[in-house]
């Protein structure tokens, strides 16, 4: 899978994260993502007690150099401002996806729009089962999952995350 393509929607552009742009992306997004746990399943966290930009820089550089099955995108709005992150970790024929949108940009449908684009791209490029993991009781995450055609499974991981999957297109 490599770096991944540039994903486009009507209002958004998702640009692949690289080792070379990870620092710049962290500078842009660090202040917007303070107090959020980004892609916790995929190892991106922002330390709210220290410098969020430095913590994000380390996490993004680690992901950018992680290898073929790990891809991350910077989500940009129509004014080119960074609004969030999109991530996928591929394991064989399965792809774990997640999205985090900065607080000032929430409730505009950005997460739904970019997650649909990513899931569609993954499904188009092979018979991949697309899955997400949501913390039990996360109503916002559940609404996003339903809006992007994910359905819950009975699988609950020991740390309180439920596995959701997107049924393959028929």
N, C-alpha and C. Protein backbone atom coordinates (compact mmCIF):
# COMPACT_ATOMS: atom_id res chain seq x y z
N UNK A 1 0.81 -1.20 0.00
CA UNK A 1 0.00 0.00 0.00
C UNK A 1 0.85 1.26 0.00
N UNK A 2 1.96 1.28 0.67
CA UNK A 2 2.86 2.43 0.63
C UNK A 2 2.29 3.67 1.28
N UNK A 3 2.63 4.84 0.71
CA UNK A 3 2.18 6.12 1.25
C UNK A 3 0.69 6.35 1.05
N UNK A 4 0.14 5.81 0.02
CA UNK A 4 -1.27 6.05 -0.27
C UNK A 4 -1.43 7.20 -1.24
N UNK A 5 -2.60 7.28 -1.85
CA UNK A 5 -2.86 8.33 -2.83
C UNK A 5 -3.34 9.61 -2.15
N UNK A 6 -3.43 10.66 -2.93
CA UNK A 6 -4.14 11.85 -2.48
C UNK A 6 -5.62 11.55 -2.66
N UNK A 7 -6.40 11.74 -1.61
CA UNK A 7 -7.84 11.50 -1.66
C UNK A 7 -8.54 12.84 -1.78
N UNK A 8 -9.53 12.92 -2.66
CA UNK A 8 -10.26 14.18 -2.82
C UNK A 8 -11.76 13.94 -2.67
N UNK A 9 -12.41 14.92 -2.09
CA UNK A 9 -13.87 14.93 -2.01
C UNK A 9 -14.30 16.32 -2.49
N UNK A 10 -15.57 16.61 -2.41
CA UNK A 10 -16.04 17.93 -2.87
C UNK A 10 -15.41 19.07 -2.08
N UNK A 11 -15.21 18.88 -0.77
CA UNK A 11 -14.70 19.97 0.07
C UNK A 11 -13.33 19.73 0.65
N UNK A 12 -12.81 18.50 0.56
CA UNK A 12 -11.60 18.14 1.28
C UNK A 12 -10.54 17.54 0.38
N UNK A 13 -9.32 17.66 0.86
CA UNK A 13 -8.17 17.04 0.22
C UNK A 13 -7.40 16.33 1.33
N UNK A 14 -7.14 15.05 1.14
CA UNK A 14 -6.36 14.28 2.13
C UNK A 14 -5.02 13.95 1.49
N UNK A 15 -3.97 14.56 2.03
CA UNK A 15 -2.62 14.41 1.48
C UNK A 15 -1.82 13.42 2.31
N UNK A 16 -1.09 12.52 1.66
CA UNK A 16 -0.31 11.51 2.40
C UNK A 16 0.74 12.15 3.31
N UNK A 17 0.87 11.59 4.49
CA UNK A 17 1.90 12.02 5.43
C UNK A 17 3.21 11.33 5.06
N UNK A 18 4.30 12.08 5.10
CA UNK A 18 5.62 11.52 4.85
C UNK A 18 6.54 11.92 6.00
N UNK A 19 7.70 11.30 6.06
CA UNK A 19 8.68 11.69 7.07
C UNK A 19 9.05 13.16 6.88
N UNK A 20 9.02 13.62 5.65
CA UNK A 20 9.46 14.98 5.33
C UNK A 20 8.44 16.03 5.74
N UNK A 21 7.14 15.72 5.73
CA UNK A 21 6.16 16.75 6.09
C UNK A 21 5.55 16.55 7.47
N UNK A 22 5.96 15.52 8.20
CA UNK A 22 5.37 15.22 9.51
C UNK A 22 5.54 16.37 10.51
N UNK A 23 6.71 17.00 10.51
CA UNK A 23 6.94 18.12 11.43
C UNK A 23 6.05 19.30 11.14
N UNK A 24 5.90 19.62 9.87
CA UNK A 24 5.04 20.73 9.45
C UNK A 24 3.59 20.45 9.82
N UNK A 25 3.13 19.23 9.57
CA UNK A 25 1.76 18.84 9.90
C UNK A 25 1.53 18.94 11.41
N UNK A 26 2.50 18.51 12.20
CA UNK A 26 2.38 18.59 13.66
C UNK A 26 2.27 20.04 14.11
N UNK A 27 3.04 20.94 13.49
CA UNK A 27 2.96 22.37 13.83
C UNK A 27 1.56 22.91 13.57
N UNK A 28 0.98 22.49 12.46
CA UNK A 28 -0.36 22.97 12.10
C UNK A 28 -1.45 22.39 13.01
N UNK A 29 -1.37 21.07 13.24
CA UNK A 29 -2.47 20.39 13.93
C UNK A 29 -2.32 20.30 15.44
N UNK A 30 -1.11 20.40 15.97
CA UNK A 30 -0.90 20.27 17.41
C UNK A 30 -1.86 21.10 18.24
N UNK A 31 -1.94 22.42 18.00
CA UNK A 31 -2.84 23.25 18.80
C UNK A 31 -4.33 22.90 18.63
N UNK A 32 -4.72 22.41 17.46
CA UNK A 32 -6.12 22.08 17.20
C UNK A 32 -6.57 20.80 17.90
N UNK A 33 -5.61 19.94 18.19
CA UNK A 33 -5.95 18.61 18.69
C UNK A 33 -5.65 18.43 20.18
N UNK A 34 -5.38 19.51 20.88
CA UNK A 34 -5.11 19.44 22.32
C UNK A 34 -6.34 18.87 23.01
N UNK A 35 -6.11 17.92 23.90
CA UNK A 35 -7.19 17.32 24.67
C UNK A 35 -7.89 16.18 23.96
N UNK A 36 -7.40 15.77 22.80
CA UNK A 36 -8.03 14.65 22.11
C UNK A 36 -7.07 13.47 22.08
N UNK A 37 -7.61 12.29 22.00
CA UNK A 37 -6.81 11.09 21.83
C UNK A 37 -6.98 10.66 20.39
N UNK A 38 -6.01 10.94 19.59
CA UNK A 38 -6.09 10.65 18.17
C UNK A 38 -5.72 9.22 17.89
N UNK A 39 -6.51 8.59 17.09
CA UNK A 39 -6.16 7.27 16.58
C UNK A 39 -5.50 6.43 17.68
N UNK A 40 -6.05 6.43 18.86
CA UNK A 40 -5.41 5.74 19.99
C UNK A 40 -5.11 4.29 19.66
N UNK A 41 -5.99 3.69 18.89
CA UNK A 41 -5.79 2.30 18.48
C UNK A 41 -4.54 2.20 17.62
N UNK A 42 -4.24 3.25 16.85
CA UNK A 42 -3.13 3.21 15.92
C UNK A 42 -1.89 3.93 16.44
N UNK A 43 -1.86 4.26 17.69
CA UNK A 43 -0.63 4.75 18.30
C UNK A 43 -0.34 6.22 18.15
N UNK A 44 -1.33 7.03 17.76
CA UNK A 44 -1.10 8.48 17.71
C UNK A 44 -1.81 9.08 18.91
N UNK A 45 -1.05 9.67 19.80
CA UNK A 45 -1.64 10.33 20.95
C UNK A 45 -1.01 11.69 21.12
N UNK A 46 -1.76 12.61 21.68
CA UNK A 46 -1.26 13.95 21.96
C UNK A 46 -1.18 14.09 23.47
N UNK A 47 0.01 14.40 23.96
CA UNK A 47 0.23 14.58 25.38
C UNK A 47 -0.28 15.96 25.78
N UNK A 48 -1.36 16.00 26.56
CA UNK A 48 -1.93 17.29 26.93
C UNK A 48 -1.19 17.93 28.10
N UNK A 49 -0.31 17.19 28.76
CA UNK A 49 0.42 17.78 29.88
C UNK A 49 1.69 18.48 29.42
N UNK A 50 2.22 18.10 28.28
CA UNK A 50 3.43 18.72 27.75
C UNK A 50 3.11 19.52 26.51
N UNK A 51 4.05 19.56 25.61
CA UNK A 51 3.89 20.28 24.35
C UNK A 51 3.17 19.36 23.36
N UNK A 52 1.90 19.67 23.01
CA UNK A 52 1.15 18.78 22.12
C UNK A 52 1.78 18.67 20.73
N UNK A 53 2.41 19.74 20.28
CA UNK A 53 3.03 19.72 18.95
C UNK A 53 4.19 18.74 18.91
N UNK A 54 5.02 18.74 19.94
CA UNK A 54 6.17 17.83 19.97
C UNK A 54 5.72 16.37 20.07
N UNK A 55 4.70 16.11 20.90
CA UNK A 55 4.18 14.74 21.02
C UNK A 55 3.60 14.28 19.69
N UNK A 56 2.87 15.15 19.02
CA UNK A 56 2.29 14.80 17.73
C UNK A 56 3.38 14.60 16.68
N UNK A 57 4.40 15.43 16.71
CA UNK A 57 5.52 15.31 15.76
C UNK A 57 6.17 13.92 15.87
N UNK A 58 6.45 13.50 17.10
CA UNK A 58 7.06 12.17 17.31
C UNK A 58 6.16 11.06 16.80
N UNK A 59 4.87 11.14 17.13
CA UNK A 59 3.93 10.09 16.72
C UNK A 59 3.78 10.05 15.20
N UNK A 60 3.71 11.20 14.56
CA UNK A 60 3.54 11.22 13.11
C UNK A 60 4.79 10.74 12.38
N UNK A 61 5.96 11.11 12.86
CA UNK A 61 7.19 10.62 12.23
C UNK A 61 7.31 9.10 12.38
N UNK A 62 6.90 8.59 13.53
CA UNK A 62 6.93 7.14 13.75
C UNK A 62 5.99 6.44 12.76
N UNK A 63 4.79 6.99 12.58
CA UNK A 63 3.84 6.39 11.63
C UNK A 63 4.32 6.51 10.19
N UNK A 64 4.89 7.66 9.84
CA UNK A 64 5.33 7.89 8.46
C UNK A 64 6.45 6.93 8.06
N UNK A 65 7.20 6.46 9.02
CA UNK A 65 8.30 5.54 8.70
C UNK A 65 7.99 4.10 9.09
N UNK A 66 6.72 3.79 9.36
CA UNK A 66 6.35 2.47 9.89
C UNK A 66 6.28 1.37 8.84
N UNK A 67 6.14 1.71 7.58
CA UNK A 67 6.13 0.65 6.57
C UNK A 67 4.90 0.65 5.69
N UNK A 68 4.82 -0.35 4.85
CA UNK A 68 3.82 -0.41 3.79
C UNK A 68 2.37 -0.40 4.25
N UNK A 69 2.03 -1.08 5.29
CA UNK A 69 0.63 -1.21 5.68
C UNK A 69 0.11 -0.07 6.53
N UNK A 70 0.94 0.90 6.84
CA UNK A 70 0.56 2.01 7.71
C UNK A 70 0.53 3.29 6.88
N UNK A 71 -0.65 3.90 6.78
CA UNK A 71 -0.78 5.13 6.01
C UNK A 71 -1.52 6.18 6.83
N UNK A 72 -1.09 7.41 6.68
CA UNK A 72 -1.72 8.52 7.38
C UNK A 72 -1.84 9.68 6.40
N UNK A 73 -2.94 10.41 6.51
CA UNK A 73 -3.18 11.57 5.65
C UNK A 73 -3.48 12.79 6.51
N UNK A 74 -3.09 13.94 6.00
CA UNK A 74 -3.50 15.22 6.57
C UNK A 74 -4.75 15.64 5.82
N UNK A 75 -5.82 15.88 6.54
CA UNK A 75 -7.08 16.30 5.91
C UNK A 75 -7.08 17.82 5.87
N UNK A 76 -7.29 18.37 4.67
CA UNK A 76 -7.29 19.82 4.47
C UNK A 76 -8.62 20.27 3.91
N UNK A 77 -9.09 21.42 4.41
CA UNK A 77 -10.34 22.00 3.93
C UNK A 77 -10.14 22.73 2.62
N UNK A 78 -11.22 23.32 2.12
CA UNK A 78 -11.13 24.00 0.83
C UNK A 78 -10.30 25.28 0.87
N UNK A 79 -9.96 25.75 2.07
CA UNK A 79 -9.04 26.89 2.20
C UNK A 79 -7.60 26.43 2.43
N UNK A 80 -7.34 25.14 2.28
CA UNK A 80 -6.03 24.49 2.44
C UNK A 80 -5.56 24.37 3.89
N UNK A 81 -6.39 24.78 4.84
CA UNK A 81 -6.02 24.65 6.26
C UNK A 81 -6.15 23.19 6.68
N UNK A 82 -5.21 22.73 7.49
CA UNK A 82 -5.28 21.37 8.03
C UNK A 82 -6.43 21.31 9.03
N UNK A 83 -7.32 20.33 8.86
CA UNK A 83 -8.46 20.19 9.75
C UNK A 83 -8.42 18.89 10.56
N UNK A 84 -7.57 17.93 10.17
CA UNK A 84 -7.51 16.68 10.92
C UNK A 84 -6.59 15.65 10.30
N UNK A 85 -6.69 14.45 10.82
CA UNK A 85 -5.88 13.32 10.37
C UNK A 85 -6.77 12.14 10.03
N UNK A 86 -6.30 11.34 9.08
CA UNK A 86 -6.96 10.14 8.64
C UNK A 86 -5.90 9.04 8.65
N UNK A 87 -6.24 7.84 9.12
CA UNK A 87 -5.22 6.79 9.22
C UNK A 87 -5.81 5.44 8.85
N UNK A 88 -4.93 4.57 8.33
CA UNK A 88 -5.30 3.18 8.05
C UNK A 88 -4.10 2.31 8.37
N UNK A 89 -4.36 1.18 9.01
CA UNK A 89 -3.36 0.14 9.25
C UNK A 89 -3.90 -1.11 8.57
N UNK A 90 -3.18 -1.59 7.56
CA UNK A 90 -3.62 -2.76 6.81
C UNK A 90 -2.91 -4.01 7.32
N UNK A 91 -3.69 -5.06 7.49
CA UNK A 91 -3.18 -6.36 7.94
C UNK A 91 -3.73 -7.40 6.97
N UNK A 92 -2.97 -7.78 5.96
CA UNK A 92 -3.46 -8.73 4.98
C UNK A 92 -4.67 -8.17 4.25
N UNK A 93 -5.82 -8.83 4.39
CA UNK A 93 -7.04 -8.40 3.70
C UNK A 93 -7.93 -7.55 4.59
N UNK A 94 -7.41 -7.05 5.70
CA UNK A 94 -8.18 -6.20 6.61
C UNK A 94 -7.52 -4.85 6.72
N UNK A 95 -8.33 -3.81 6.89
CA UNK A 95 -7.81 -2.45 7.04
C UNK A 95 -8.54 -1.77 8.18
N UNK A 96 -7.79 -1.35 9.18
CA UNK A 96 -8.32 -0.63 10.33
C UNK A 96 -8.22 0.86 10.04
N UNK A 97 -9.35 1.57 10.06
CA UNK A 97 -9.37 2.99 9.72
C UNK A 97 -9.78 3.83 10.92
N UNK A 98 -9.32 5.09 10.91
CA UNK A 98 -9.76 6.05 11.93
C UNK A 98 -9.58 7.46 11.40
N UNK A 99 -10.31 8.38 12.00
CA UNK A 99 -10.24 9.79 11.60
C UNK A 99 -10.36 10.64 12.86
N UNK A 100 -9.61 11.75 12.89
CA UNK A 100 -9.72 12.74 13.97
C UNK A 100 -9.76 14.11 13.34
N UNK A 101 -10.75 14.87 13.71
CA UNK A 101 -10.92 16.23 13.20
C UNK A 101 -10.69 17.19 14.36
N UNK A 102 -9.94 18.26 14.10
CA UNK A 102 -9.66 19.26 15.13
C UNK A 102 -10.94 19.92 15.65
N UNK A 103 -10.94 20.27 16.91
CA UNK A 103 -12.14 20.82 17.56
C UNK A 103 -12.81 21.95 16.79
N UNK A 104 -12.08 22.94 16.26
CA UNK A 104 -12.77 24.04 15.57
C UNK A 104 -13.49 23.60 14.29
N UNK A 105 -13.16 22.43 13.76
CA UNK A 105 -13.71 21.99 12.48
C UNK A 105 -14.74 20.88 12.61
N UNK A 106 -15.09 20.53 13.83
CA UNK A 106 -16.06 19.45 14.03
C UNK A 106 -17.47 19.95 13.71
N UNK A 107 -18.35 19.00 13.47
CA UNK A 107 -19.76 19.25 13.17
C UNK A 107 -19.99 19.91 11.81
N UNK A 108 -19.05 19.67 10.88
CA UNK A 108 -19.21 20.15 9.51
C UNK A 108 -19.31 18.98 8.53
N UNK A 109 -19.31 17.75 9.03
CA UNK A 109 -19.40 16.58 8.18
C UNK A 109 -18.08 16.15 7.56
N UNK A 110 -16.96 16.74 8.00
CA UNK A 110 -15.67 16.42 7.41
C UNK A 110 -15.27 14.96 7.65
N UNK A 111 -15.48 14.48 8.87
CA UNK A 111 -15.10 13.11 9.19
C UNK A 111 -15.87 12.12 8.32
N UNK A 112 -17.16 12.34 8.16
CA UNK A 112 -17.99 11.47 7.34
C UNK A 112 -17.50 11.48 5.89
N UNK A 113 -17.26 12.66 5.37
CA UNK A 113 -16.85 12.81 3.97
C UNK A 113 -15.52 12.12 3.68
N UNK A 114 -14.53 12.34 4.52
CA UNK A 114 -13.21 11.79 4.24
C UNK A 114 -13.14 10.29 4.56
N UNK A 115 -13.90 9.84 5.55
CA UNK A 115 -13.92 8.40 5.85
C UNK A 115 -14.59 7.61 4.73
N UNK A 116 -15.64 8.17 4.14
CA UNK A 116 -16.27 7.52 2.98
C UNK A 116 -15.27 7.41 1.83
N UNK A 117 -14.52 8.48 1.59
CA UNK A 117 -13.54 8.46 0.49
C UNK A 117 -12.48 7.39 0.73
N UNK A 118 -11.98 7.30 1.96
CA UNK A 118 -10.95 6.31 2.28
C UNK A 118 -11.50 4.89 2.15
N UNK A 119 -12.66 4.63 2.72
CA UNK A 119 -13.24 3.29 2.66
C UNK A 119 -13.51 2.89 1.21
N UNK A 120 -14.01 3.83 0.42
CA UNK A 120 -14.26 3.56 -0.99
C UNK A 120 -12.98 3.22 -1.74
N UNK A 121 -11.91 3.97 -1.46
CA UNK A 121 -10.62 3.70 -2.11
C UNK A 121 -10.10 2.32 -1.71
N UNK A 122 -10.17 1.99 -0.44
CA UNK A 122 -9.71 0.68 0.03
C UNK A 122 -10.49 -0.45 -0.62
N UNK A 123 -11.82 -0.30 -0.69
CA UNK A 123 -12.65 -1.35 -1.27
C UNK A 123 -12.42 -1.47 -2.78
N UNK A 124 -12.18 -0.37 -3.45
CA UNK A 124 -11.95 -0.38 -4.89
C UNK A 124 -10.64 -1.08 -5.24
N UNK A 125 -9.64 -0.95 -4.37
CA UNK A 125 -8.32 -1.52 -4.66
C UNK A 125 -8.10 -2.90 -4.07
N UNK A 126 -9.13 -3.68 -3.97
CA UNK A 126 -8.97 -5.05 -3.51
C UNK A 126 -10.10 -5.44 -2.58
N UNK A 127 -10.27 -6.73 -2.41
CA UNK A 127 -11.32 -7.19 -1.51
C UNK A 127 -10.80 -7.11 -0.08
N UNK A 128 -10.91 -5.91 0.46
CA UNK A 128 -10.43 -5.62 1.81
C UNK A 128 -11.61 -5.42 2.74
N UNK A 129 -11.57 -6.03 3.90
CA UNK A 129 -12.58 -5.80 4.92
C UNK A 129 -12.15 -4.57 5.70
N UNK A 130 -12.95 -3.51 5.64
CA UNK A 130 -12.63 -2.25 6.31
C UNK A 130 -13.28 -2.27 7.68
N UNK A 131 -12.48 -2.02 8.71
CA UNK A 131 -13.02 -2.04 10.08
C UNK A 131 -12.59 -0.80 10.85
N UNK A 132 -13.33 -0.53 11.90
CA UNK A 132 -13.02 0.58 12.81
C UNK A 132 -13.23 0.05 14.23
N UNK A 133 -12.62 0.72 15.17
CA UNK A 133 -12.80 0.35 16.58
C UNK A 133 -13.28 1.58 17.32
N UNK A 134 -14.38 1.40 18.05
CA UNK A 134 -14.97 2.51 18.79
C UNK A 134 -15.03 2.18 20.26
N UNK A 135 -14.72 3.15 21.08
CA UNK A 135 -14.84 2.98 22.52
C UNK A 135 -16.31 2.76 22.83
N UNK A 136 -16.60 1.80 23.70
CA UNK A 136 -17.98 1.51 24.10
C UNK A 136 -18.62 2.78 24.65
N UNK A 137 -19.82 3.09 24.19
CA UNK A 137 -20.53 4.27 24.67
C UNK A 137 -20.18 5.56 23.95
N UNK A 138 -19.33 5.52 22.94
CA UNK A 138 -18.95 6.73 22.18
C UNK A 138 -20.05 7.02 21.17
N UNK A 139 -21.03 7.82 21.56
CA UNK A 139 -22.20 8.10 20.71
C UNK A 139 -21.81 8.85 19.43
N UNK A 140 -20.88 9.77 19.52
CA UNK A 140 -20.44 10.50 18.34
C UNK A 140 -19.78 9.56 17.34
N UNK A 141 -18.90 8.69 17.82
CA UNK A 141 -18.26 7.71 16.97
C UNK A 141 -19.27 6.75 16.34
N UNK A 142 -20.27 6.36 17.11
CA UNK A 142 -21.30 5.46 16.59
C UNK A 142 -22.10 6.13 15.47
N UNK A 143 -22.45 7.41 15.64
CA UNK A 143 -23.17 8.13 14.58
C UNK A 143 -22.32 8.22 13.32
N UNK A 144 -21.02 8.49 13.48
CA UNK A 144 -20.11 8.54 12.34
C UNK A 144 -20.04 7.18 11.65
N UNK A 145 -19.91 6.12 12.43
CA UNK A 145 -19.82 4.77 11.86
C UNK A 145 -21.08 4.42 11.07
N UNK A 146 -22.24 4.71 11.61
CA UNK A 146 -23.49 4.41 10.91
C UNK A 146 -23.60 5.25 9.63
N UNK A 147 -23.20 6.52 9.70
CA UNK A 147 -23.28 7.40 8.54
C UNK A 147 -22.34 6.97 7.42
N UNK A 148 -21.31 6.20 7.75
CA UNK A 148 -20.34 5.75 6.74
C UNK A 148 -20.47 4.26 6.46
N UNK A 149 -21.63 3.69 6.78
CA UNK A 149 -22.01 2.31 6.45
C UNK A 149 -21.26 1.23 7.22
N UNK A 150 -20.78 1.54 8.42
CA UNK A 150 -20.18 0.52 9.29
C UNK A 150 -21.28 -0.07 10.16
N UNK A 151 -21.12 -1.34 10.51
CA UNK A 151 -22.07 -2.00 11.40
C UNK A 151 -21.28 -2.60 12.57
N UNK A 152 -21.90 -2.62 13.76
CA UNK A 152 -21.18 -3.16 14.92
C UNK A 152 -21.12 -4.68 14.86
N UNK A 153 -20.05 -5.21 15.46
CA UNK A 153 -19.94 -6.66 15.63
C UNK A 153 -20.15 -6.97 17.11
N UNK A 154 -20.14 -8.23 17.44
CA UNK A 154 -20.25 -8.63 18.85
C UNK A 154 -18.87 -8.68 19.51
N UNK A 155 -17.82 -8.33 18.77
CA UNK A 155 -16.46 -8.40 19.29
C UNK A 155 -16.15 -7.15 20.10
N UNK A 156 -15.87 -7.35 21.39
CA UNK A 156 -15.46 -6.26 22.26
C UNK A 156 -14.08 -6.62 22.79
N UNK A 157 -13.12 -5.77 22.54
CA UNK A 157 -11.75 -6.01 22.97
C UNK A 157 -11.61 -5.77 24.46
N UNK A 158 -10.63 -6.38 25.10
CA UNK A 158 -10.49 -6.27 26.56
C UNK A 158 -10.38 -4.83 27.09
N UNK A 159 -9.88 -3.91 26.25
CA UNK A 159 -9.72 -2.54 26.73
C UNK A 159 -10.94 -1.66 26.46
N UNK A 160 -12.08 -2.28 26.12
CA UNK A 160 -13.33 -1.53 25.98
C UNK A 160 -13.63 -0.99 24.61
N UNK A 161 -13.01 -1.51 23.58
CA UNK A 161 -13.28 -1.07 22.21
C UNK A 161 -14.12 -2.11 21.50
N UNK A 162 -15.17 -1.68 20.80
CA UNK A 162 -15.99 -2.58 19.98
C UNK A 162 -15.52 -2.49 18.53
N UNK A 163 -15.44 -3.62 17.87
CA UNK A 163 -15.05 -3.67 16.46
C UNK A 163 -16.30 -3.46 15.60
N UNK A 164 -16.20 -2.56 14.63
CA UNK A 164 -17.23 -2.31 13.63
C UNK A 164 -16.62 -2.64 12.28
N UNK A 165 -17.43 -3.06 11.31
CA UNK A 165 -16.89 -3.32 9.98
C UNK A 165 -17.85 -2.75 8.93
N UNK A 166 -17.31 -2.56 7.77
CA UNK A 166 -18.09 -2.05 6.64
C UNK A 166 -18.34 -3.23 5.70
N UNK A 167 -19.61 -3.65 5.56
CA UNK A 167 -19.89 -4.80 4.70
C UNK A 167 -19.38 -4.54 3.28
N UNK A 168 -18.79 -5.56 2.65
CA UNK A 168 -18.29 -5.37 1.29
C UNK A 168 -19.41 -4.97 0.34
N UNK A 169 -19.11 -4.12 -0.64
CA UNK A 169 -20.15 -3.72 -1.60
C UNK A 169 -20.61 -4.94 -2.40
N UNK A 170 -21.90 -4.96 -2.70
CA UNK A 170 -22.41 -6.11 -3.45
C UNK A 170 -22.55 -5.83 -4.92
